[in-house]
C-alpha atoms as a PDB file:
ATOM      1  CA  MET A   1      -6.721  16.194  -5.599  1.00  0.00           C
ATOM      2  CA  GLU A   2      -5.218  14.626  -8.720  1.00  0.00           C
ATOM      3  CA  GLU A   3      -1.776  15.770  -9.715  1.00  0.00           C
ATOM      4  CA  ILE A   4      -1.395  16.176 -13.483  1.00  0.00           C
ATOM      5  CA  LEU A   5       2.137  15.986 -14.840  1.00  0.00           C
ATOM      6  CA  THR A   6       3.232  16.790 -18.366  1.00  0.00           C
ATOM      7  CA  ASN A   7       5.349  13.802 -19.418  1.00  0.00           C
ATOM      8  CA  ALA A   8       6.546  10.334 -18.433  1.00  0.00           C
ATOM      9  CA  ASN A   9       9.807  11.673 -17.070  1.00  0.00           C
ATOM     10  CA  SER A  10       8.090  14.119 -14.706  1.00  0.00           C
ATOM     11  CA  VAL A  11       5.699  11.411 -13.476  1.00  0.00           C
ATOM     12  CA  ALA A  12       8.589   9.053 -12.766  1.00  0.00           C
ATOM     13  CA  LYS A  13      10.675  11.750 -11.060  1.00  0.00           C
ATOM     14  CA  SER A  14       7.755  12.754  -8.850  1.00  0.00           C
ATOM     15  CA  ILE A  15       7.205   9.170  -7.720  1.00  0.00           C
ATOM     16  CA  LYS A  16      10.948   8.691  -7.266  1.00  0.00           C
ATOM     17  CA  THR A  17      11.033  11.749  -4.985  1.00  0.00           C
ATOM     18  CA  ILE A  18       8.095  10.457  -2.942  1.00  0.00           C
ATOM     19  CA  ILE A  19       9.811   7.098  -2.431  1.00  0.00           C
ATOM     20  CA  ASP A  20      13.098   8.790  -1.484  1.00  0.00           C
ATOM     21  CA  VAL A  21      11.329  10.993   1.067  1.00  0.00           C
ATOM     22  CA  TYR A  22       9.632   7.896   2.476  1.00  0.00           C
ATOM     23  CA  TRP A  23      12.965   6.064   2.704  1.00  0.00           C
ATOM     24  CA  LYS A  24      14.420   9.019   4.634  1.00  0.00           C
ATOM     25  CA  LYS A  25      11.499   8.555   7.051  1.00  0.00           C
ATOM     26  CA  ASP A  26      10.284  12.105   6.434  1.00  0.00           C
ATOM     27  CA  ILE A  27       6.806  10.736   5.636  1.00  0.00           C
ATOM     28  CA  THR A  28       4.957   7.555   6.539  1.00  0.00           C
ATOM     29  CA  LYS A  29       4.261   4.771   4.090  1.00  0.00           C
ATOM     30  CA  GLU A  30       0.584   5.725   4.204  1.00  0.00           C
ATOM     31  CA  ASP A  31       1.451   9.320   3.242  1.00  0.00           C
ATOM     32  CA  ALA A  32       3.630   8.059   0.395  1.00  0.00           C
ATOM     33  CA  ILE A  33       0.809   5.844  -0.847  1.00  0.00           C
ATOM     34  CA  VAL A  34      -1.659   8.751  -0.771  1.00  0.00           C
ATOM     35  CA  ARG A  35       0.754  10.984  -2.700  1.00  0.00           C
ATOM     36  CA  ILE A  36       1.412   8.303  -5.303  1.00  0.00           C
ATOM     37  CA  GLN A  37      -2.312   7.628  -5.568  1.00  0.00           C
ATOM     38  CA  ASP A  38      -2.897  11.327  -6.264  1.00  0.00           C
ATOM     39  CA  ILE A  39      -0.551  11.039  -9.214  1.00  0.00           C
ATOM     40  CA  ILE A  40      -1.858   7.781 -10.677  1.00  0.00           C
ATOM     41  CA  ASN A  41      -5.529   8.659 -10.246  1.00  0.00           C
ATOM     42  CA  ASN A  42      -5.162  10.806 -13.351  1.00  0.00           C
ATOM     43  CA  PRO A  43      -5.574   8.626 -16.472  1.00  0.00           C
ATOM     44  CA  ASP A  44      -2.929  10.619 -18.379  1.00  0.00           C
ATOM     45  CA  ASN A  45      -0.378  10.056 -15.611  1.00  0.00           C
ATOM     46  CA  ARG A  46      -1.305   6.384 -15.387  1.00  0.00           C
ATOM     47  CA  ALA A  47      -0.703   6.027 -19.134  1.00  0.00           C
ATOM     48  CA  ARG A  48       2.773   7.487 -18.593  1.00  0.00           C
ATOM     49  CA  ILE A  49       3.536   4.691 -16.109  1.00  0.00           C
ATOM     50  CA  PHE A  50       1.877   1.656 -17.701  1.00  0.00           C
ATOM     51  CA  ARG A  51       1.744   0.173 -21.179  1.00  0.00           C
ATOM     52  CA  GLY A  52      -0.742  -2.622 -20.835  1.00  0.00           C
ATOM     53  CA  ASP A  53       0.357  -4.665 -17.843  1.00  0.00           C
ATOM     54  CA  LYS A  54       4.004  -3.508 -18.002  1.00  0.00           C
ATOM     55  CA  TYR A  55       5.793  -0.338 -16.942  1.00  0.00           C
ATOM     56  CA  THR A  56       7.021   2.099 -19.556  1.00  0.00           C
ATOM     57  CA  ALA A  57      10.760   2.055 -20.211  1.00  0.00           C
ATOM     58  CA  VAL A  58      11.092   5.660 -19.031  1.00  0.00           C
ATOM     59  CA  PHE A  59       9.367   4.835 -15.748  1.00  0.00           C
ATOM     60  CA  GLU A  60      11.571   1.793 -15.126  1.00  0.00           C
ATOM     61  CA  ASN A  61      14.770   3.660 -16.008  1.00  0.00           C
ATOM     62  CA  VAL A  62      14.071   6.684 -13.806  1.00  0.00           C
ATOM     63  CA  LEU A  63      12.961   4.660 -10.782  1.00  0.00           C
ATOM     64  CA  GLY A  64      15.562   1.918 -10.971  1.00  0.00           C
ATOM     65  CA  LYS A  65      15.223  -1.561  -9.534  1.00  0.00           C
ATOM     66  CA  ARG A  66      14.854  -0.867  -5.790  1.00  0.00           C
ATOM     67  CA  ARG A  67      12.433   2.030  -6.147  1.00  0.00           C
ATOM     68  CA  LEU A  68      10.402   0.088  -8.692  1.00  0.00           C
ATOM     69  CA  GLU A  69      10.059  -2.755  -6.175  1.00  0.00           C
ATOM     70  CA  GLU A  70       8.919  -0.250  -3.530  1.00  0.00           C
ATOM     71  CA  PHE A  71       6.470   1.294  -5.999  1.00  0.00           C
ATOM     72  CA  GLN A  72       5.046  -2.150  -6.749  1.00  0.00           C
ATOM     73  CA  THR A  73       4.316  -2.812  -3.074  1.00  0.00           C
ATOM     74  CA  MET A  74       2.650   0.587  -2.729  1.00  0.00           C
ATOM     75  CA  TYR A  75       0.732   0.202  -5.976  1.00  0.00           C
ATOM     76  CA  PHE A  76      -0.571  -3.166  -4.804  1.00  0.00           C
ATOM     77  CA  VAL A  77      -2.148  -1.392  -1.818  1.00  0.00           C
ATOM     78  CA  ILE A  78      -3.613   1.311  -4.079  1.00  0.00           C
ATOM     79  CA  ASP A  79      -4.914  -1.183  -6.651  1.00  0.00           C
ATOM     80  CA  LYS A  80      -6.417  -3.369  -3.946  1.00  0.00           C
ATOM     81  CA  GLY A  81      -8.258  -0.324  -2.614  1.00  0.00           C
ATOM     82  CA  LEU A  82      -9.561   0.575  -6.068  1.00  0.00           C
ATOM     83  CA  ALA A  83     -10.855  -2.945  -6.608  1.00  0.00           C
ATOM     84  CA  LYS A  84     -13.200  -2.695  -3.596  1.00  0.00           C
END
């Protein structure tokens, strides 16, 4: 099920929360990836994360450096799966 969020800030905060929950070991990495994939499967949400091949400023600012790095590793798995 795709999760539709209303603005860039809410998309970023949702992904930030997922990463934080994963870091606390409350969910597995696979669960985190599935939850993030549910968010970015929606084209509107994806547009709130990416501008071309770069992240939006809001997304980068809300996530911060470490979470953005974690997101990138998870997104690589998601993107690789979509390419198949």
